[in-house]
PDB file of N, CA and C in Angstrom:
ATOM      1  N   UNK A   1      21.601  16.604  -3.572  1.00  0.00           N
ATOM      2  CA  UNK A   1      21.292  15.236  -4.037  1.00  0.00           C
ATOM      3  C   UNK A   1      20.137  14.527  -3.613  1.00  0.00           C
ATOM      4  N   UNK A   2      19.986  14.534  -2.293  1.00  0.00           N
ATOM      5  CA  UNK A   2      18.706  13.934  -1.800  1.00  0.00           C
ATOM      6  C   UNK A   2      17.523  14.475  -2.208  1.00  0.00           C
ATOM      7  N   UNK A   3      17.394  15.849  -2.517  1.00  0.00           N
ATOM      8  CA  UNK A   3      16.268  16.436  -3.044  1.00  0.00           C
ATOM      9  C   UNK A   3      16.008  16.045  -4.463  1.00  0.00           C
ATOM     10  N   UNK A   4      17.138  15.883  -5.352  1.00  0.00           N
ATOM     11  CA  UNK A   4      17.071  15.365  -6.638  1.00  0.00           C
ATOM     12  C   UNK A   4      16.362  14.129  -6.603  1.00  0.00           C
ATOM     13  N   UNK A   5      16.737  13.322  -5.875  1.00  0.00           N
ATOM     14  CA  UNK A   5      16.363  11.767  -5.619  1.00  0.00           C
ATOM     15  C   UNK A   5      14.987  11.777  -5.332  1.00  0.00           C
ATOM     16  N   UNK A   6      14.411  12.608  -4.380  1.00  0.00           N
ATOM     17  CA  UNK A   6      13.199  12.931  -3.989  1.00  0.00           C
ATOM     18  C   UNK A   6      12.380  13.346  -5.168  1.00  0.00           C
ATOM     19  N   UNK A   7      12.805  14.225  -5.852  1.00  0.00           N
ATOM     20  CA  UNK A   7      11.997  14.727  -6.972  1.00  0.00           C
ATOM     21  C   UNK A   7      11.885  13.802  -8.198  1.00  0.00           C
ATOM     22  N   UNK A   8      13.022  13.023  -8.421  1.00  0.00           N
ATOM     23  CA  UNK A   8      12.822  11.896  -9.505  1.00  0.00           C
ATOM     24  C   UNK A   8      11.982  10.847  -8.996  1.00  0.00           C
ATOM     25  N   UNK A   9      11.999  10.449  -7.744  1.00  0.00           N
ATOM     26  CA  UNK A   9      11.074   9.391  -7.226  1.00  0.00           C
ATOM     27  C   UNK A   9       9.557   9.978  -7.383  1.00  0.00           C
ATOM     28  N   UNK A  10       9.360  11.166  -6.923  1.00  0.00           N
ATOM     29  CA  UNK A  10       8.081  11.765  -7.194  1.00  0.00           C
ATOM     30  C   UNK A  10       7.472  11.710  -8.618  1.00  0.00           C
ATOM     31  N   UNK A  11       8.484  12.128  -9.447  1.00  0.00           N
ATOM     32  CA  UNK A  11       8.105  12.213 -10.836  1.00  0.00           C
ATOM     33  C   UNK A  11       7.761  10.793 -11.314  1.00  0.00           C
ATOM     34  N   UNK A  12       8.582  10.012 -11.004  1.00  0.00           N
ATOM     35  CA  UNK A  12       8.194   8.391 -11.346  1.00  0.00           C
ATOM     36  C   UNK A  12       6.855   7.918 -10.818  1.00  0.00           C
ATOM     37  N   UNK A  13       6.719   8.136  -9.651  1.00  0.00           N
ATOM     38  CA  UNK A  13       5.470   7.845  -9.065  1.00  0.00           C
ATOM     39  C   UNK A  13       4.241   8.414  -9.846  1.00  0.00           C
ATOM     40  N   UNK A  14       4.425   9.573 -10.134  1.00  0.00           N
ATOM     41  CA  UNK A  14       3.574  10.280 -11.018  1.00  0.00           C
ATOM     42  C   UNK A  14       3.116   9.544 -12.233  1.00  0.00           C
ATOM     43  N   UNK A  15       4.219   9.072 -12.907  1.00  0.00           N
ATOM     44  CA  UNK A  15       4.162   8.406 -14.164  1.00  0.00           C
ATOM     45  C   UNK A  15       3.560   7.043 -14.166  1.00  0.00           C
ATOM     46  N   UNK A  16       3.729   6.353 -12.909  1.00  0.00           N
ATOM     47  CA  UNK A  16       3.308   5.074 -12.858  1.00  0.00           C
ATOM     48  C   UNK A  16       1.757   4.800 -13.244  1.00  0.00           C
ATOM     49  N   UNK A  17       1.591   3.864 -14.038  1.00  0.00           N
ATOM     50  CA  UNK A  17       0.223   3.437 -14.325  1.00  0.00           C
ATOM     51  C   UNK A  17      -0.468   2.688 -13.222  1.00  0.00           C
ATOM     52  N   UNK A  18      -1.793   2.452 -13.111  1.00  0.00           N
ATOM     53  CA  UNK A  18      -2.407   1.560 -12.254  1.00  0.00           C
ATOM     54  C   UNK A  18      -1.913   0.117 -12.433  1.00  0.00           C
ATOM     55  N   UNK A  19      -1.943  -0.576 -11.439  1.00  0.00           N
ATOM     56  CA  UNK A  19      -1.414  -1.892 -11.490  1.00  0.00           C
ATOM     57  C   UNK A  19      -2.650  -3.034 -11.724  1.00  0.00           C
ATOM     58  N   UNK A  20      -2.148  -3.951 -12.477  1.00  0.00           N
ATOM     59  CA  UNK A  20      -2.997  -5.029 -12.423  1.00  0.00           C
ATOM     60  C   UNK A  20      -2.806  -5.931 -11.348  1.00  0.00           C
ATOM     61  N   UNK A  21      -3.589  -6.789 -10.947  1.00  0.00           N
ATOM     62  CA  UNK A  21      -3.535  -7.586  -9.700  1.00  0.00           C
ATOM     63  C   UNK A  21      -3.688  -9.161 -10.055  1.00  0.00           C
ATOM     64  N   UNK A  22      -4.087  -9.898  -8.992  1.00  0.00           N
ATOM     65  CA  UNK A  22      -3.712 -11.222  -9.044  1.00  0.00           C
ATOM     66  C   UNK A  22      -4.914 -12.277  -8.972  1.00  0.00           C
ATOM     67  N   UNK A  23      -4.904 -13.161  -9.769  1.00  0.00           N
ATOM     68  CA  UNK A  23      -5.939 -14.294  -9.809  1.00  0.00           C
ATOM     69  C   UNK A  23      -5.334 -15.725  -9.923  1.00  0.00           C
ATOM     70  N   UNK A  24      -5.933 -16.642  -9.187  1.00  0.00           N
ATOM     71  CA  UNK A  24      -5.341 -18.017  -9.383  1.00  0.00           C
ATOM     72  C   UNK A  24      -6.362 -19.004  -9.658  1.00  0.00           C
ATOM     73  N   UNK A  25      -6.430 -19.742 -10.599  1.00  0.00           N
ATOM     74  CA  UNK A  25      -7.290 -21.035 -10.997  1.00  0.00           C
ATOM     75  C   UNK A  25      -8.686 -20.669 -10.767  1.00  0.00           C
ATOM     76  N   UNK A  26      -9.262 -19.772 -11.507  1.00  0.00           N
ATOM     77  CA  UNK A  26     -10.586 -19.333 -11.437  1.00  0.00           C
ATOM     78  C   UNK A  26     -11.280 -19.709 -12.956  1.00  0.00           C
ATOM     79  N   UNK A  27     -12.677 -19.706 -12.802  1.00  0.00           N
ATOM     80  CA  UNK A  27     -13.178 -20.112 -14.173  1.00  0.00           C
ATOM     81  C   UNK A  27     -13.265 -18.612 -14.942  1.00  0.00           C
ATOM     82  N   UNK A  28     -13.561 -18.748 -16.235  1.00  0.00           N
ATOM     83  CA  UNK A  28     -13.406 -17.492 -17.116  1.00  0.00           C
ATOM     84  C   UNK A  28     -14.271 -16.456 -16.747  1.00  0.00           C
ATOM     85  N   UNK A  29     -15.508 -16.768 -16.088  1.00  0.00           N
ATOM     86  CA  UNK A  29     -16.442 -15.679 -15.805  1.00  0.00           C
ATOM     87  C   UNK A  29     -15.617 -14.658 -14.603  1.00  0.00           C
ATOM     88  N   UNK A  30     -15.068 -15.483 -13.715  1.00  0.00           N
ATOM     89  CA  UNK A  30     -14.317 -14.878 -12.663  1.00  0.00           C
ATOM     90  C   UNK A  30     -13.206 -13.970 -12.997  1.00  0.00           C
ATOM     91  N   UNK A  31     -12.570 -14.584 -14.010  1.00  0.00           N
ATOM     92  CA  UNK A  31     -11.549 -13.864 -14.728  1.00  0.00           C
ATOM     93  C   UNK A  31     -11.860 -12.509 -15.293  1.00  0.00           C
ATOM     94  N   UNK A  32     -12.965 -12.568 -15.941  1.00  0.00           N
ATOM     95  CA  UNK A  32     -13.607 -11.408 -16.580  1.00  0.00           C
ATOM     96  C   UNK A  32     -13.853 -10.347 -15.598  1.00  0.00           C
ATOM     97  N   UNK A  33     -14.405 -10.729 -14.445  1.00  0.00           N
ATOM     98  CA  UNK A  33     -14.876  -9.832 -13.339  1.00  0.00           C
ATOM     99  C   UNK A  33     -13.787  -9.379 -12.595  1.00  0.00           C
ATOM    100  N   UNK A  34     -12.666 -10.035 -12.524  1.00  0.00           N
ATOM    101  CA  UNK A  34     -11.378  -9.457 -11.656  1.00  0.00           C
ATOM    102  C   UNK A  34     -10.732  -8.634 -12.721  1.00  0.00           C
ATOM    103  N   UNK A  35     -10.632  -8.923 -13.870  1.00  0.00           N
ATOM    104  CA  UNK A  35      -9.717  -8.010 -14.725  1.00  0.00           C
ATOM    105  C   UNK A  35     -10.709  -6.684 -14.885  1.00  0.00           C
ATOM    106  N   UNK A  36     -11.966  -6.699 -15.001  1.00  0.00           N
ATOM    107  CA  UNK A  36     -12.786  -5.566 -15.101  1.00  0.00           C
ATOM    108  C   UNK A  36     -12.663  -4.702 -13.992  1.00  0.00           C
ATOM    109  N   UNK A  37     -12.645  -5.233 -12.678  1.00  0.00           N
ATOM    110  CA  UNK A  37     -12.621  -4.532 -11.544  1.00  0.00           C
ATOM    111  C   UNK A  37     -11.088  -3.964 -11.264  1.00  0.00           C
ATOM    112  N   UNK A  38     -10.211  -4.444 -11.865  1.00  0.00           N
ATOM    113  CA  UNK A  38      -8.824  -3.989 -11.786  1.00  0.00           C
ATOM    114  C   UNK A  38      -8.653  -2.692 -12.641  1.00  0.00           C
ATOM    115  N   UNK A  39      -9.368  -2.611 -13.746  1.00  0.00           N
ATOM    116  CA  UNK A  39      -9.151  -1.478 -14.594  1.00  0.00           C
ATOM    117  C   UNK A  39      -9.717  -0.135 -13.902  1.00  0.00           C
ATOM    118  N   UNK A  40     -10.705  -0.423 -13.019  1.00  0.00           N
ATOM    119  CA  UNK A  40     -11.129   0.807 -12.288  1.00  0.00           C
ATOM    120  C   UNK A  40     -10.276   0.890 -10.789  1.00  0.00           C
ATOM    121  N   UNK A  41      -9.466   0.055 -10.487  1.00  0.00           N
ATOM    122  CA  UNK A  41      -8.745   0.135  -9.357  1.00  0.00           C
ATOM    123  C   UNK A  41      -7.776   1.323  -9.410  1.00  0.00           C
ATOM    124  N   UNK A  42      -7.632   2.137  -8.277  1.00  0.00           N
ATOM    125  CA  UNK A  42      -6.793   3.110  -8.195  1.00  0.00           C
ATOM    126  C   UNK A  42      -5.988   3.109  -6.934  1.00  0.00           C
ATOM    127  N   UNK A  43      -4.688   3.451  -7.000  1.00  0.00           N
ATOM    128  CA  UNK A  43      -3.808   3.529  -5.801  1.00  0.00           C
ATOM    129  C   UNK A  43      -2.847   4.581  -5.854  1.00  0.00           C
ATOM    130  N   UNK A  44      -1.988   4.716  -4.882  1.00  0.00           N
ATOM    131  CA  UNK A  44      -0.816   5.675  -4.729  1.00  0.00           C
ATOM    132  C   UNK A  44       0.247   4.985  -3.951  1.00  0.00           C
ATOM    133  N   UNK A  45       1.406   5.071  -4.530  1.00  0.00           N
ATOM    134  CA  UNK A  45       2.718   4.564  -3.890  1.00  0.00           C
ATOM    135  C   UNK A  45       3.322   5.590  -3.037  1.00  0.00           C
ATOM    136  N   UNK A  46       3.454   5.361  -1.864  1.00  0.00           N
ATOM    137  CA  UNK A  46       4.136   6.497  -0.921  1.00  0.00           C
ATOM    138  C   UNK A  46       5.535   5.895  -0.525  1.00  0.00           C
ATOM    139  N   UNK A  47       6.456   7.003  -0.666  1.00  0.00           N
ATOM    140  CA  UNK A  47       7.767   6.601  -0.357  1.00  0.00           C
ATOM    141  C   UNK A  47       8.144   7.243   1.065  1.00  0.00           C
ATOM    142  N   UNK A  48       8.328   6.457   1.953  1.00  0.00           N
ATOM    143  CA  UNK A  48       8.513   6.904   3.313  1.00  0.00           C
ATOM    144  C   UNK A  48      10.067   6.937   3.964  1.00  0.00           C
ATOM    145  N   UNK A  49      10.187   7.243   5.148  1.00  0.00           N
ATOM    146  CA  UNK A  49      11.565   7.195   5.669  1.00  0.00           C
ATOM    147  C   UNK A  49      12.112   5.865   5.316  1.00  0.00           C
ATOM    148  N   UNK A  50      13.574   5.938   5.042  1.00  0.00           N
ATOM    149  CA  UNK A  50      14.370   4.769   4.615  1.00  0.00           C
ATOM    150  C   UNK A  50      14.006   4.368   3.392  1.00  0.00           C
ATOM    151  N   UNK A  51      13.224   5.142   2.536  1.00  0.00           N
ATOM    152  CA  UNK A  51      12.877   4.680   1.205  1.00  0.00           C
ATOM    153  C   UNK A  51      11.940   3.554   1.172  1.00  0.00           C
ATOM    154  N   UNK A  52      11.156   3.254   2.087  1.00  0.00           N
ATOM    155  CA  UNK A  52      10.207   2.288   2.366  1.00  0.00           C
ATOM    156  C   UNK A  52       8.845   2.703   1.427  1.00  0.00           C
ATOM    157  N   UNK A  53       8.484   1.736   0.507  1.00  0.00           N
ATOM    158  CA  UNK A  53       7.588   1.999  -0.343  1.00  0.00           C
ATOM    159  C   UNK A  53       6.310   1.278   0.017  1.00  0.00           C
ATOM    160  N   UNK A  54       5.258   2.001   0.271  1.00  0.00           N
ATOM    161  CA  UNK A  54       3.933   1.444   0.594  1.00  0.00           C
ATOM    162  C   UNK A  54       2.881   1.710  -0.483  1.00  0.00           C
ATOM    163  N   UNK A  55       1.904   0.950  -0.593  1.00  0.00           N
ATOM    164  CA  UNK A  55       0.723   1.153  -1.512  1.00  0.00           C
ATOM    165  C   UNK A  55      -0.464   1.364  -0.971  1.00  0.00           C
ATOM    166  N   UNK A  56      -1.167   2.287  -1.127  1.00  0.00           N
ATOM    167  CA  UNK A  56      -2.511   2.566  -0.558  1.00  0.00           C
ATOM    168  C   UNK A  56      -3.486   2.589  -1.574  1.00  0.00           C
ATOM    169  N   UNK A  57      -4.464   1.792  -1.492  1.00  0.00           N
ATOM    170  CA  UNK A  57      -5.749   1.807  -2.409  1.00  0.00           C
ATOM    171  C   UNK A  57      -6.520   3.011  -2.326  1.00  0.00           C
ATOM    172  N   UNK A  58      -6.852   3.797  -3.373  1.00  0.00           N
ATOM    173  CA  UNK A  58      -7.690   4.985  -3.394  1.00  0.00           C
ATOM    174  C   UNK A  58      -9.040   4.585  -3.835  1.00  0.00           C
ATOM    175  N   UNK A  59      -9.270   3.626  -4.829  1.00  0.00           N
ATOM    176  CA  UNK A  59     -10.454   3.361  -5.397  1.00  0.00           C
ATOM    177  C   UNK A  59     -10.540   1.729  -5.190  1.00  0.00           C
ATOM    178  N   UNK A  60     -11.142   1.057  -4.406  1.00  0.00           N
ATOM    179  CA  UNK A  60     -11.202  -0.342  -4.241  1.00  0.00           C
ATOM    180  C   UNK A  60     -11.850  -1.034  -5.361  1.00  0.00           C
ATOM    181  N   UNK A  61     -11.325  -2.359  -5.480  1.00  0.00           N
ATOM    182  CA  UNK A  61     -12.309  -3.234  -6.506  1.00  0.00           C
ATOM    183  C   UNK A  61     -13.367  -3.780  -5.839  1.00  0.00           C
ATOM    184  N   UNK A  62     -13.328  -3.636  -4.413  1.00  0.00           N
ATOM    185  CA  UNK A  62     -14.559  -4.219  -3.655  1.00  0.00           C
ATOM    186  C   UNK A  62     -14.167  -5.698  -3.228  1.00  0.00           C
ATOM    187  N   UNK A  63     -13.178  -6.130  -3.577  1.00  0.00           N
ATOM    188  CA  UNK A  63     -12.322  -7.487  -3.124  1.00  0.00           C
ATOM    189  C   UNK A  63     -11.074  -7.032  -2.313  1.00  0.00           C
ATOM    190  N   UNK A  64     -10.920  -7.322  -1.119  1.00  0.00           N
ATOM    191  CA  UNK A  64      -9.861  -6.758  -0.197  1.00  0.00           C
ATOM    192  C   UNK A  64      -8.627  -7.637  -0.839  1.00  0.00           C
ATOM    193  N   UNK A  65      -8.730  -8.893  -1.104  1.00  0.00           N
ATOM    194  CA  UNK A  65      -7.580  -9.843  -1.495  1.00  0.00           C
ATOM    195  C   UNK A  65      -7.072  -9.311  -2.881  1.00  0.00           C
ATOM    196  N   UNK A  66      -7.993  -8.805  -3.709  1.00  0.00           N
ATOM    197  CA  UNK A  66      -7.830  -8.451  -5.008  1.00  0.00           C
ATOM    198  C   UNK A  66      -6.977  -7.136  -5.021  1.00  0.00           C
ATOM    199  N   UNK A  67      -7.380  -6.110  -4.070  1.00  0.00           N
ATOM    200  CA  UNK A  67      -6.717  -4.968  -3.862  1.00  0.00           C
ATOM    201  C   UNK A  67      -5.262  -5.231  -3.113  1.00  0.00           C
ATOM    202  N   UNK A  68      -5.082  -5.940  -2.389  1.00  0.00           N
ATOM    203  CA  UNK A  68      -3.845  -6.382  -1.776  1.00  0.00           C
ATOM    204  C   UNK A  68      -2.967  -7.030  -2.874  1.00  0.00           C
ATOM    205  N   UNK A  69      -3.266  -7.893  -3.624  1.00  0.00           N
ATOM    206  CA  UNK A  69      -2.498  -8.455  -4.842  1.00  0.00           C
ATOM    207  C   UNK A  69      -2.255  -7.257  -5.692  1.00  0.00           C
ATOM    208  N   UNK A  70      -3.020  -6.225  -6.014  1.00  0.00           N
ATOM    209  CA  UNK A  70      -2.743  -5.236  -6.944  1.00  0.00           C
ATOM    210  C   UNK A  70      -1.539  -4.476  -6.382  1.00  0.00           C
ATOM    211  N   UNK A  71      -1.673  -4.173  -4.985  1.00  0.00           N
ATOM    212  CA  UNK A  71      -0.805  -3.505  -4.520  1.00  0.00           C
ATOM    213  C   UNK A  71       0.431  -3.894  -4.282  1.00  0.00           C
ATOM    214  N   UNK A  72       0.643  -5.290  -4.063  1.00  0.00           N
ATOM    215  CA  UNK A  72       1.806  -6.163  -4.060  1.00  0.00           C
ATOM    216  C   UNK A  72       2.657  -6.078  -5.534  1.00  0.00           C
ATOM    217  N   UNK A  73       1.867  -6.175  -6.535  1.00  0.00           N
ATOM    218  CA  UNK A  73       2.218  -6.345  -7.756  1.00  0.00           C
ATOM    219  C   UNK A  73       2.732  -4.799  -8.258  1.00  0.00           C
ATOM    220  N   UNK A  74       2.199  -3.866  -7.907  1.00  0.00           N
ATOM    221  CA  UNK A  74       2.477  -2.422  -8.181  1.00  0.00           C
ATOM    222  C   UNK A  74       3.928  -2.251  -7.490  1.00  0.00           C
ATOM    223  N   UNK A  75       3.941  -2.565  -6.205  1.00  0.00           N
ATOM    224  CA  UNK A  75       5.185  -2.311  -5.248  1.00  0.00           C
ATOM    225  C   UNK A  75       6.270  -3.161  -5.931  1.00  0.00           C
ATOM    226  N   UNK A  76       5.958  -4.394  -6.306  1.00  0.00           N
ATOM    227  CA  UNK A  76       7.076  -5.037  -6.692  1.00  0.00           C
ATOM    228  C   UNK A  76       7.753  -4.533  -8.014  1.00  0.00           C
ATOM    229  N   UNK A  77       6.830  -4.178  -8.998  1.00  0.00           N
ATOM    230  CA  UNK A  77       7.397  -3.430 -10.171  1.00  0.00           C
ATOM    231  C   UNK A  77       7.920  -2.175  -9.988  1.00  0.00           C
ATOM    232  N   UNK A  78       7.606  -1.304  -9.022  1.00  0.00           N
ATOM    233  CA  UNK A  78       8.404  -0.052  -8.769  1.00  0.00           C
ATOM    234  C   UNK A  78       9.740  -0.457  -8.171  1.00  0.00           C
ATOM    235  N   UNK A  79       9.597  -1.458  -7.104  1.00  0.00           N
ATOM    236  CA  UNK A  79      10.948  -1.728  -6.500  1.00  0.00           C
ATOM    237  C   UNK A  79      12.159  -2.374  -7.501  1.00  0.00           C
ATOM    238  N   UNK A  80      11.639  -3.085  -8.414  1.00  0.00           N
ATOM    239  CA  UNK A  80      12.542  -3.610  -9.542  1.00  0.00           C
ATOM    240  C   UNK A  80      13.150  -2.496 -10.344  1.00  0.00           C
ATOM    241  N   UNK A  81      12.261  -1.353 -10.523  1.00  0.00           N
ATOM    242  CA  UNK A  81      12.802  -0.384 -11.306  1.00  0.00           C
ATOM    243  C   UNK A  81      13.507   0.710 -10.614  1.00  0.00           C
ATOM    244  N   UNK A  82      13.548   0.619  -9.289  1.00  0.00           N
ATOM    245  CA  UNK A  82      13.979   1.799  -8.333  1.00  0.00           C
ATOM    246  C   UNK A  82      15.441   2.190  -8.666  1.00  0.00           C
ATOM    247  N   UNK A  83      16.465   1.308  -8.899  1.00  0.00           N
ATOM    248  CA  UNK A  83      17.876   1.681  -9.139  1.00  0.00           C
ATOM    249  C   UNK A  83      17.803   2.625 -10.429  1.00  0.00           C
ATOM    250  N   UNK A  84      16.980   2.378 -11.474  1.00  0.00           N
ATOM    251  CA  UNK A  84      17.006   3.268 -12.728  1.00  0.00           C
ATOM    252  C   UNK A  84      16.326   4.331 -12.516  1.00  0.00           C
ATOM    253  N   UNK A  85      15.195   4.508 -11.566  1.00  0.00           N
ATOM    254  CA  UNK A  85      14.594   5.581 -11.362  1.00  0.00           C
ATOM    255  C   UNK A  85      15.560   6.719 -10.682  1.00  0.00           C
ATOM    256  N   UNK A  86      16.260   6.125  -9.795  1.00  0.00           N
ATOM    257  CA  UNK A  86      17.187   7.028  -9.105  1.00  0.00           C
ATOM    258  C   UNK A  86      18.384   7.485  -9.944  1.00  0.00           C
ATOM    259  N   UNK A  87      18.554   6.572 -10.944  1.00  0.00           N
ATOM    260  CA  UNK A  87      19.815   7.136 -11.894  1.00  0.00           C
ATOM    261  C   UNK A  87      19.385   7.828 -13.098  1.00  0.00           C
ATOM    262  N   UNK A  88      17.974   8.036 -13.227  1.00  0.00           N
ATOM    263  CA  UNK A  88      17.547   8.577 -14.407  1.00  0.00           C
ATOM    264  C   UNK A  88      17.851  10.036 -14.401  1.00  0.00           C
ATOM    265  N   UNK A  89      18.300  10.658 -15.294  1.00  0.00           N
ATOM    266  CA  UNK A  89      18.522  12.121 -15.217  1.00  0.00           C
ATOM    267  C   UNK A  89      17.822  13.109 -16.229  1.00  0.00           C
ATOM    268  N   UNK A  90      16.938  12.400 -16.943  1.00  0.00           N
ATOM    269  CA  UNK A  90      16.039  13.131 -17.798  1.00  0.00           C
ATOM    270  C   UNK A  90      14.634  12.576 -17.757  1.00  0.00           C
ATOM    271  N   UNK A  91      13.605  13.400 -18.211  1.00  0.00           N
ATOM    272  CA  UNK A  91      12.371  12.907 -18.414  1.00  0.00           C
ATOM    273  C   UNK A  91      12.269  11.813 -19.330  1.00  0.00           C
ATOM    274  N   UNK A  92      13.032  11.849 -20.434  1.00  0.00           N
ATOM    275  CA  UNK A  92      13.218  10.777 -21.284  1.00  0.00           C
ATOM    276  C   UNK A  92      13.513   9.322 -20.632  1.00  0.00           C
ATOM    277  N   UNK A  93      14.651   9.435 -19.832  1.00  0.00           N
ATOM    278  CA  UNK A  93      15.056   8.217 -19.134  1.00  0.00           C
ATOM    279  C   UNK A  93      13.765   7.689 -18.183  1.00  0.00           C
ATOM    280  N   UNK A  94      13.024   8.594 -17.520  1.00  0.00           N
ATOM    281  CA  UNK A  94      11.967   8.201 -16.634  1.00  0.00           C
ATOM    282  C   UNK A  94      10.891   7.726 -17.619  1.00  0.00           C
ATOM    283  N   UNK A  95      10.784   8.063 -18.817  1.00  0.00           N
ATOM    284  CA  UNK A  95       9.589   7.463 -19.559  1.00  0.00           C
ATOM    285  C   UNK A  95       9.960   6.110 -19.946  1.00  0.00           C
ATOM    286  N   UNK A  96      11.063   5.838 -20.054  1.00  0.00           N
ATOM    287  CA  UNK A  96      11.727   4.521 -20.685  1.00  0.00           C
ATOM    288  C   UNK A  96      11.524   3.557 -19.380  1.00  0.00           C
ATOM    289  N   UNK A  97      11.983   4.121 -18.137  1.00  0.00           N
ATOM    290  CA  UNK A  97      11.726   3.124 -17.088  1.00  0.00           C
ATOM    291  C   UNK A  97      10.185   2.864 -16.986  1.00  0.00           C
ATOM    292  N   UNK A  98       9.242   3.766 -17.121  1.00  0.00           N
ATOM    293  CA  UNK A  98       7.780   3.824 -17.033  1.00  0.00           C
ATOM    294  C   UNK A  98       7.475   2.626 -18.178  1.00  0.00           C
ATOM    295  N   UNK A  99       8.000   2.557 -19.236  1.00  0.00           N
ATOM    296  CA  UNK A  99       7.472   1.473 -20.157  1.00  0.00           C
ATOM    297  C   UNK A  99       7.889   0.251 -19.570  1.00  0.00           C
ATOM    298  N   UNK A 100       9.048   0.060 -18.995  1.00  0.00           N
ATOM    299  CA  UNK A 100       9.378  -1.235 -18.398  1.00  0.00           C
ATOM    300  C   UNK A 100       8.557  -1.691 -17.289  1.00  0.00           C
ATOM    301  N   UNK A 101       7.941  -0.562 -16.417  1.00  0.00           N
ATOM    302  CA  UNK A 101       7.063  -0.880 -15.478  1.00  0.00           C
ATOM    303  C   UNK A 101       5.829  -1.296 -15.965  1.00  0.00           C
ATOM    304  N   UNK A 102       5.406  -0.768 -17.112  1.00  0.00           N
ATOM    305  CA  UNK A 102       4.040  -1.068 -17.776  1.00  0.00           C
ATOM    306  C   UNK A 102       4.241  -2.557 -18.037  1.00  0.00           C
ATOM    307  N   UNK A 103       5.267  -2.879 -18.690  1.00  0.00           N
ATOM    308  CA  UNK A 103       5.618  -4.368 -19.169  1.00  0.00           C
ATOM    309  C   UNK A 103       5.412  -5.427 -17.859  1.00  0.00           C
ATOM    310  N   UNK A 104       6.141  -4.922 -16.764  1.00  0.00           N
ATOM    311  CA  UNK A 104       5.918  -5.720 -15.538  1.00  0.00           C
ATOM    312  C   UNK A 104       4.552  -5.737 -15.304  1.00  0.00           C
ATOM    313  N   UNK A 105       3.669  -4.834 -15.148  1.00  0.00           N
ATOM    314  CA  UNK A 105       2.497  -4.918 -14.759  1.00  0.00           C
ATOM    315  C   UNK A 105       1.545  -5.873 -15.855  1.00  0.00           C
ATOM    316  N   UNK A 106       1.967  -5.727 -16.934  1.00  0.00           N
ATOM    317  CA  UNK A 106       1.096  -6.366 -17.980  1.00  0.00           C
ATOM    318  C   UNK A 106       1.451  -7.918 -17.738  1.00  0.00           C
ATOM    319  N   UNK A 107       2.667  -8.202 -17.478  1.00  0.00           N
ATOM    320  CA  UNK A 107       2.994  -9.693 -17.258  1.00  0.00           C
ATOM    321  C   UNK A 107       2.258 -10.184 -15.861  1.00  0.00           C
ATOM    322  N   UNK A 108       2.260  -9.343 -14.967  1.00  0.00           N
ATOM    323  CA  UNK A 108       1.583  -9.611 -13.638  1.00  0.00           C
ATOM    324  C   UNK A 108       0.116  -9.769 -13.875  1.00  0.00           C
ATOM    325  N   UNK A 109      -0.350  -8.915 -14.749  1.00  0.00           N
ATOM    326  CA  UNK A 109      -1.724  -9.104 -14.956  1.00  0.00           C
ATOM    327  C   UNK A 109      -2.271 -10.389 -15.668  1.00  0.00           C
ATOM    328  N   UNK A 110      -1.387 -10.762 -16.585  1.00  0.00           N
ATOM    329  CA  UNK A 110      -1.613 -12.004 -17.174  1.00  0.00           C
ATOM    330  C   UNK A 110      -1.545 -13.260 -16.420  1.00  0.00           C
ATOM    331  N   UNK A 111      -0.726 -13.240 -15.582  1.00  0.00           N
ATOM    332  CA  UNK A 111      -0.393 -14.337 -14.702  1.00  0.00           C
ATOM    333  C   UNK A 111      -1.654 -14.407 -13.399  1.00  0.00           C
ATOM    334  N   UNK A 112      -2.036 -13.163 -13.108  1.00  0.00           N
ATOM    335  CA  UNK A 112      -2.929 -12.880 -12.069  1.00  0.00           C
ATOM    336  C   UNK A 112      -4.339 -13.081 -12.435  1.00  0.00           C
ATOM    337  N   UNK A 113      -4.937 -12.555 -13.338  1.00  0.00           N
ATOM    338  CA  UNK A 113      -6.258 -12.626 -13.944  1.00  0.00           C
ATOM    339  C   UNK A 113      -6.506 -13.632 -15.023  1.00  0.00           C
ATOM    340  N   UNK A 114      -5.288 -13.954 -15.671  1.00  0.00           N
ATOM    341  CA  UNK A 114      -5.652 -15.052 -16.740  1.00  0.00           C
ATOM    342  C   UNK A 114      -6.012 -14.297 -18.007  1.00  0.00           C
ATOM    343  N   UNK A 115      -6.236 -12.990 -17.761  1.00  0.00           N
ATOM    344  CA  UNK A 115      -6.815 -12.032 -18.958  1.00  0.00           C
ATOM    345  C   UNK A 115      -5.593 -11.315 -19.608  1.00  0.00           C
ATOM    346  N   UNK A 116      -5.353 -11.652 -20.965  1.00  0.00           N
ATOM    347  CA  UNK A 116      -4.122 -11.018 -21.503  1.00  0.00           C
ATOM    348  C   UNK A 116      -4.216  -9.351 -21.472  1.00  0.00           C
ATOM    349  N   UNK A 117      -3.243  -8.640 -21.302  1.00  0.00           N
ATOM    350  CA  UNK A 117      -3.359  -7.270 -21.201  1.00  0.00           C
ATOM    351  C   UNK A 117      -3.694  -6.755 -22.597  1.00  0.00           C
ATOM    352  N   UNK A 118      -4.587  -5.483 -22.706  1.00  0.00           N
ATOM    353  CA  UNK A 118      -5.067  -4.916 -23.853  1.00  0.00           C
ATOM    354  C   UNK A 118      -3.639  -3.897 -24.177  1.00  0.00           C
ATOM    355  N   UNK A 119      -3.511  -4.071 -25.509  1.00  0.00           N
ATOM    356  CA  UNK A 119      -2.513  -3.189 -26.140  1.00  0.00           C
ATOM    357  C   UNK A 119      -3.020  -1.879 -26.618  1.00  0.00           C
TER     358      UNK A 119
END
């Protein structure tokens, strides 16, 4: 059972898109710059002992605060979906969870950068 859970978690992490991150009250030029930087941002979620999830930036935006906001958003979306990830029995179920995580990131991206997500 534990191995199955680890495999499902690993599969879900592999399916996760890159997270959008955060902005607060900035002018439109700054919003565009932050949104552009986020498109290039890359990270990985690592599940440690006790199912503690940590986010590690692989390709930085060049702004430590933006990287931290992006990791926080990505971790929050993953944590919200975790019960469904564990319960998923098929690839199709994991794909459905992944779509919900995408929506979570899109919502956070809009709030953070002020830039509506691209469809």
